[in-house]
Amino acid sequence: MIESLVTGKLFRDVEIKQSSKQTPYCNFMLSVPVGEDKPVLVSGIAFNEPAEKIARLKKGDALTVTGSLKPNQWTDKTTGETKHGLTLTVQDCLSAYDLKKRRD
């Protein structure tokens, strides 16, 4: 696994769920710009406080996450093609809603 800092925009709305042990979690997709090319989609999973923070966001909101990034692959069910992607297990997150205005 690769320890990473990833910034992008939520690809779709996120729903908070509860594990069998009542731990809050959410799955999400981030659209991450990579220069002039098409953005890369990174799937993620977050637990506890980061999951609750991410679940308050909506599609298109900016989000920065830190955690363990892992490459993965799967076979597309319709085409039979091998696809490649990235999955991130979140340790912490930050959005514009977390920032507080400071007055000097």
N, C-alpha and C. Protein backbone atom coordinates (compact mmCIF):
# COMPACT_ATOMS: atom_id res chain seq x y z
N MET A 1 0.83 -1.18 0.00
CA MET A 1 0.00 0.00 0.00
C MET A 1 0.88 1.25 0.00
N ILE A 2 0.30 2.33 -0.49
CA ILE A 2 1.00 3.59 -0.62
C ILE A 2 0.29 4.64 0.25
N GLU A 3 1.02 5.26 1.17
CA GLU A 3 0.43 6.34 1.96
C GLU A 3 0.27 7.55 1.05
N SER A 4 -0.94 8.12 1.01
CA SER A 4 -1.24 9.14 0.01
C SER A 4 -2.04 10.30 0.56
N LEU A 5 -1.95 11.42 -0.15
CA LEU A 5 -2.78 12.60 0.05
C LEU A 5 -3.43 12.85 -1.30
N VAL A 6 -4.76 12.77 -1.35
CA VAL A 6 -5.49 12.86 -2.62
C VAL A 6 -6.55 13.97 -2.51
N THR A 7 -6.59 14.84 -3.51
CA THR A 7 -7.57 15.92 -3.56
C THR A 7 -8.38 15.80 -4.84
N GLY A 8 -9.69 15.90 -4.70
CA GLY A 8 -10.56 15.84 -5.87
C GLY A 8 -11.95 16.30 -5.51
N LYS A 9 -12.90 15.97 -6.38
CA LYS A 9 -14.31 16.32 -6.15
C LYS A 9 -15.12 15.04 -6.08
N LEU A 10 -16.12 15.04 -5.19
CA LEU A 10 -16.97 13.86 -5.07
C LEU A 10 -17.69 13.61 -6.40
N PHE A 11 -17.64 12.39 -6.85
CA PHE A 11 -18.22 12.00 -8.12
C PHE A 11 -19.74 11.82 -8.01
N ARG A 12 -20.20 11.48 -6.81
CA ARG A 12 -21.64 11.32 -6.56
C ARG A 12 -21.90 11.54 -5.06
N ASP A 13 -23.18 11.68 -4.71
CA ASP A 13 -23.54 11.83 -3.30
C ASP A 13 -23.13 10.59 -2.52
N VAL A 14 -22.89 10.78 -1.23
CA VAL A 14 -22.39 9.71 -0.35
C VAL A 14 -23.45 9.39 0.69
N GLU A 15 -23.57 8.12 1.02
CA GLU A 15 -24.53 7.69 2.05
C GLU A 15 -23.77 7.03 3.19
N ILE A 16 -24.07 7.45 4.41
CA ILE A 16 -23.45 6.84 5.59
C ILE A 16 -24.17 5.52 5.89
N LYS A 17 -23.40 4.52 6.30
CA LYS A 17 -23.96 3.21 6.64
C LYS A 17 -23.39 2.78 7.98
N GLN A 18 -23.92 1.70 8.55
CA GLN A 18 -23.45 1.16 9.82
C GLN A 18 -23.01 -0.28 9.59
N SER A 19 -21.84 -0.63 10.12
CA SER A 19 -21.37 -2.02 10.03
C SER A 19 -22.16 -2.86 11.03
N SER A 20 -21.94 -4.16 11.01
CA SER A 20 -22.63 -5.05 11.95
C SER A 20 -22.24 -4.74 13.40
N LYS A 21 -21.08 -4.08 13.58
CA LYS A 21 -20.65 -3.68 14.93
C LYS A 21 -21.00 -2.22 15.22
N GLN A 22 -21.92 -1.67 14.41
CA GLN A 22 -22.42 -0.30 14.58
C GLN A 22 -21.36 0.77 14.32
N THR A 23 -20.35 0.46 13.54
CA THR A 23 -19.33 1.43 13.16
C THR A 23 -19.82 2.18 11.92
N PRO A 24 -19.88 3.52 11.97
CA PRO A 24 -20.28 4.25 10.77
C PRO A 24 -19.20 4.17 9.69
N TYR A 25 -19.63 4.01 8.44
CA TYR A 25 -18.70 3.99 7.31
C TYR A 25 -19.39 4.51 6.06
N CYS A 26 -18.60 4.89 5.07
CA CYS A 26 -19.17 5.28 3.78
C CYS A 26 -18.18 4.92 2.67
N ASN A 27 -18.74 4.61 1.53
CA ASN A 27 -17.97 4.40 0.30
C ASN A 27 -18.18 5.63 -0.57
N PHE A 28 -17.15 6.04 -1.29
CA PHE A 28 -17.27 7.23 -2.13
C PHE A 28 -16.34 7.11 -3.32
N MET A 29 -16.56 7.99 -4.29
CA MET A 29 -15.70 8.09 -5.47
C MET A 29 -15.25 9.53 -5.61
N LEU A 30 -13.93 9.71 -5.80
CA LEU A 30 -13.36 11.03 -6.03
C LEU A 30 -12.91 11.14 -7.48
N SER A 31 -13.25 12.24 -8.11
CA SER A 31 -12.74 12.55 -9.43
C SER A 31 -11.51 13.43 -9.23
N VAL A 32 -10.34 12.91 -9.61
CA VAL A 32 -9.06 13.57 -9.32
C VAL A 32 -8.45 14.06 -10.63
N PRO A 33 -8.25 15.38 -10.79
CA PRO A 33 -7.66 15.89 -12.03
C PRO A 33 -6.19 15.49 -12.14
N VAL A 34 -5.79 15.14 -13.36
CA VAL A 34 -4.39 14.77 -13.63
C VAL A 34 -3.92 15.49 -14.89
N GLY A 35 -3.78 16.80 -14.79
CA GLY A 35 -3.33 17.59 -15.93
C GLY A 35 -4.41 17.71 -16.99
N GLU A 36 -4.03 17.59 -18.25
CA GLU A 36 -4.95 17.77 -19.36
C GLU A 36 -5.77 16.52 -19.66
N ASP A 37 -5.35 15.38 -19.12
CA ASP A 37 -6.05 14.13 -19.38
C ASP A 37 -7.38 14.08 -18.63
N LYS A 38 -8.16 13.04 -18.93
CA LYS A 38 -9.40 12.82 -18.19
C LYS A 38 -9.07 12.61 -16.72
N PRO A 39 -9.95 13.03 -15.81
CA PRO A 39 -9.69 12.80 -14.39
C PRO A 39 -9.66 11.31 -14.07
N VAL A 40 -8.93 10.97 -13.03
CA VAL A 40 -8.87 9.59 -12.54
C VAL A 40 -9.90 9.44 -11.44
N LEU A 41 -10.67 8.35 -11.47
CA LEU A 41 -11.61 8.07 -10.40
C LEU A 41 -10.92 7.21 -9.35
N VAL A 42 -10.99 7.65 -8.10
CA VAL A 42 -10.43 6.92 -6.98
C VAL A 42 -11.58 6.53 -6.07
N SER A 43 -11.75 5.23 -5.82
CA SER A 43 -12.80 4.81 -4.88
C SER A 43 -12.21 4.82 -3.49
N GLY A 44 -13.06 5.12 -2.51
CA GLY A 44 -12.58 5.20 -1.15
C GLY A 44 -13.57 4.64 -0.15
N ILE A 45 -13.05 4.32 1.02
CA ILE A 45 -13.88 3.91 2.15
C ILE A 45 -13.35 4.61 3.39
N ALA A 46 -14.28 5.12 4.20
CA ALA A 46 -13.92 5.83 5.42
C ALA A 46 -14.77 5.28 6.56
N PHE A 47 -14.20 5.33 7.76
CA PHE A 47 -14.89 4.84 8.95
C PHE A 47 -14.95 5.93 10.01
N ASN A 48 -15.90 5.81 10.92
CA ASN A 48 -16.04 6.67 12.09
C ASN A 48 -16.15 8.14 11.71
N GLU A 49 -15.38 9.03 12.39
CA GLU A 49 -15.53 10.47 12.18
C GLU A 49 -15.28 10.90 10.74
N PRO A 50 -14.22 10.41 10.07
CA PRO A 50 -14.06 10.81 8.66
C PRO A 50 -15.26 10.41 7.79
N ALA A 51 -15.86 9.26 8.06
CA ALA A 51 -17.03 8.83 7.29
C ALA A 51 -18.20 9.79 7.50
N GLU A 52 -18.40 10.21 8.73
CA GLU A 52 -19.50 11.14 9.02
C GLU A 52 -19.27 12.49 8.36
N LYS A 53 -18.01 12.96 8.33
CA LYS A 53 -17.70 14.23 7.68
C LYS A 53 -17.91 14.14 6.17
N ILE A 54 -17.45 13.05 5.56
CA ILE A 54 -17.58 12.88 4.11
C ILE A 54 -19.05 12.74 3.72
N ALA A 55 -19.83 12.04 4.53
CA ALA A 55 -21.24 11.80 4.20
C ALA A 55 -22.07 13.09 4.20
N ARG A 56 -21.59 14.15 4.85
CA ARG A 56 -22.31 15.43 4.85
C ARG A 56 -22.11 16.19 3.54
N LEU A 57 -21.14 15.78 2.75
CA LEU A 57 -20.85 16.47 1.49
C LEU A 57 -21.77 15.98 0.37
N LYS A 58 -21.79 16.71 -0.72
CA LYS A 58 -22.63 16.38 -1.87
C LYS A 58 -21.77 16.23 -3.12
N LYS A 59 -22.36 15.66 -4.14
CA LYS A 59 -21.69 15.51 -5.44
C LYS A 59 -21.10 16.85 -5.87
N GLY A 60 -19.81 16.84 -6.28
CA GLY A 60 -19.14 18.04 -6.76
C GLY A 60 -18.38 18.79 -5.69
N ASP A 61 -18.60 18.47 -4.41
CA ASP A 61 -17.86 19.13 -3.33
C ASP A 61 -16.40 18.69 -3.36
N ALA A 62 -15.49 19.64 -3.08
CA ALA A 62 -14.06 19.35 -3.02
C ALA A 62 -13.74 18.62 -1.72
N LEU A 63 -12.80 17.68 -1.78
CA LEU A 63 -12.43 16.88 -0.62
C LEU A 63 -10.96 16.48 -0.74
N THR A 64 -10.26 16.56 0.37
CA THR A 64 -8.89 16.07 0.46
C THR A 64 -8.87 14.96 1.50
N VAL A 65 -8.28 13.83 1.14
CA VAL A 65 -8.21 12.69 2.05
C VAL A 65 -6.78 12.17 2.14
N THR A 66 -6.45 11.62 3.30
CA THR A 66 -5.17 10.93 3.47
C THR A 66 -5.48 9.49 3.82
N GLY A 67 -4.57 8.60 3.45
CA GLY A 67 -4.77 7.20 3.78
C GLY A 67 -3.92 6.29 2.92
N SER A 68 -4.29 5.02 2.94
CA SER A 68 -3.56 3.98 2.22
C SER A 68 -4.19 3.76 0.85
N LEU A 69 -3.41 3.99 -0.19
CA LEU A 69 -3.86 3.83 -1.56
C LEU A 69 -3.38 2.48 -2.09
N LYS A 70 -4.30 1.76 -2.73
CA LYS A 70 -3.97 0.43 -3.23
C LYS A 70 -4.48 0.27 -4.65
N PRO A 71 -3.62 -0.16 -5.58
CA PRO A 71 -4.09 -0.43 -6.94
C PRO A 71 -4.93 -1.70 -6.95
N ASN A 72 -5.94 -1.74 -7.82
CA ASN A 72 -6.75 -2.95 -7.95
C ASN A 72 -7.13 -3.16 -9.41
N GLN A 73 -7.66 -4.32 -9.70
CA GLN A 73 -8.13 -4.62 -11.05
C GLN A 73 -9.35 -5.52 -10.97
N TRP A 74 -10.17 -5.46 -12.02
CA TRP A 74 -11.37 -6.27 -12.08
C TRP A 74 -11.71 -6.49 -13.55
N THR A 75 -12.62 -7.40 -13.78
CA THR A 75 -13.08 -7.69 -15.13
C THR A 75 -14.44 -7.05 -15.34
N ASP A 76 -14.55 -6.22 -16.38
CA ASP A 76 -15.81 -5.57 -16.72
C ASP A 76 -16.81 -6.65 -17.14
N LYS A 77 -17.97 -6.67 -16.49
CA LYS A 77 -18.95 -7.73 -16.75
C LYS A 77 -19.56 -7.65 -18.14
N THR A 78 -19.63 -6.44 -18.70
CA THR A 78 -20.26 -6.31 -20.02
C THR A 78 -19.29 -6.54 -21.17
N THR A 79 -18.03 -6.10 -21.01
CA THR A 79 -17.07 -6.21 -22.12
C THR A 79 -16.05 -7.33 -21.92
N GLY A 80 -15.89 -7.80 -20.68
CA GLY A 80 -14.89 -8.80 -20.40
C GLY A 80 -13.48 -8.24 -20.29
N GLU A 81 -13.35 -6.90 -20.43
CA GLU A 81 -12.05 -6.23 -20.35
C GLU A 81 -11.54 -6.19 -18.91
N THR A 82 -10.22 -6.27 -18.78
CA THR A 82 -9.61 -6.06 -17.47
C THR A 82 -9.48 -4.57 -17.24
N LYS A 83 -10.02 -4.09 -16.12
CA LYS A 83 -9.97 -2.67 -15.77
C LYS A 83 -9.04 -2.49 -14.57
N HIS A 84 -8.47 -1.30 -14.45
CA HIS A 84 -7.57 -0.98 -13.35
C HIS A 84 -8.08 0.25 -12.61
N GLY A 85 -7.83 0.29 -11.31
CA GLY A 85 -8.28 1.43 -10.52
C GLY A 85 -7.46 1.59 -9.26
N LEU A 86 -7.90 2.54 -8.44
CA LEU A 86 -7.24 2.83 -7.17
C LEU A 86 -8.29 2.86 -6.07
N THR A 87 -7.96 2.28 -4.93
CA THR A 87 -8.84 2.28 -3.76
C THR A 87 -8.08 2.90 -2.60
N LEU A 88 -8.75 3.79 -1.87
CA LEU A 88 -8.13 4.49 -0.75
C LEU A 88 -8.90 4.19 0.53
N THR A 89 -8.19 3.75 1.56
CA THR A 89 -8.77 3.60 2.90
C THR A 89 -8.39 4.85 3.68
N VAL A 90 -9.39 5.64 4.05
CA VAL A 90 -9.17 6.97 4.61
C VAL A 90 -8.75 6.92 6.07
N GLN A 91 -7.73 7.71 6.39
CA GLN A 91 -7.34 7.93 7.78
C GLN A 91 -7.88 9.26 8.28
N ASP A 92 -7.88 10.28 7.41
CA ASP A 92 -8.40 11.60 7.78
C ASP A 92 -8.85 12.32 6.53
N CYS A 93 -9.64 13.39 6.72
CA CYS A 93 -10.15 14.13 5.57
C CYS A 93 -10.31 15.60 5.92
N LEU A 94 -10.39 16.42 4.87
CA LEU A 94 -10.56 17.86 5.04
C LEU A 94 -11.38 18.37 3.87
N SER A 95 -12.39 19.18 4.17
CA SER A 95 -13.16 19.85 3.12
C SER A 95 -13.23 21.33 3.47
N ALA A 96 -13.76 22.12 2.56
CA ALA A 96 -13.88 23.55 2.80
C ALA A 96 -14.76 23.82 4.01
N TYR A 97 -15.68 22.92 4.32
CA TYR A 97 -16.58 23.11 5.46
C TYR A 97 -15.86 22.93 6.80
N ASP A 98 -14.68 22.35 6.79
CA ASP A 98 -13.90 22.16 8.02
C ASP A 98 -13.11 23.40 8.40
N LEU A 99 -12.92 24.28 7.45
CA LEU A 99 -12.10 25.47 7.70
C LEU A 99 -12.93 26.52 8.42
N LYS A 100 -12.34 27.16 9.38
CA LYS A 100 -13.01 28.23 10.12
C LYS A 100 -12.32 29.54 9.80
N LYS A 101 -13.10 30.59 9.68
CA LYS A 101 -12.53 31.90 9.40
C LYS A 101 -11.79 32.40 10.63
N ARG A 102 -10.63 32.99 10.39
CA ARG A 102 -9.85 33.59 11.47
C ARG A 102 -9.84 35.08 11.29
N ARG A 103 -9.93 35.76 12.38
CA ARG A 103 -9.82 37.22 12.35
C ARG A 103 -8.62 37.62 13.14
N ASP A 104 -7.76 38.38 12.53
CA ASP A 104 -6.55 38.84 13.22
C ASP A 104 -6.77 40.19 13.87
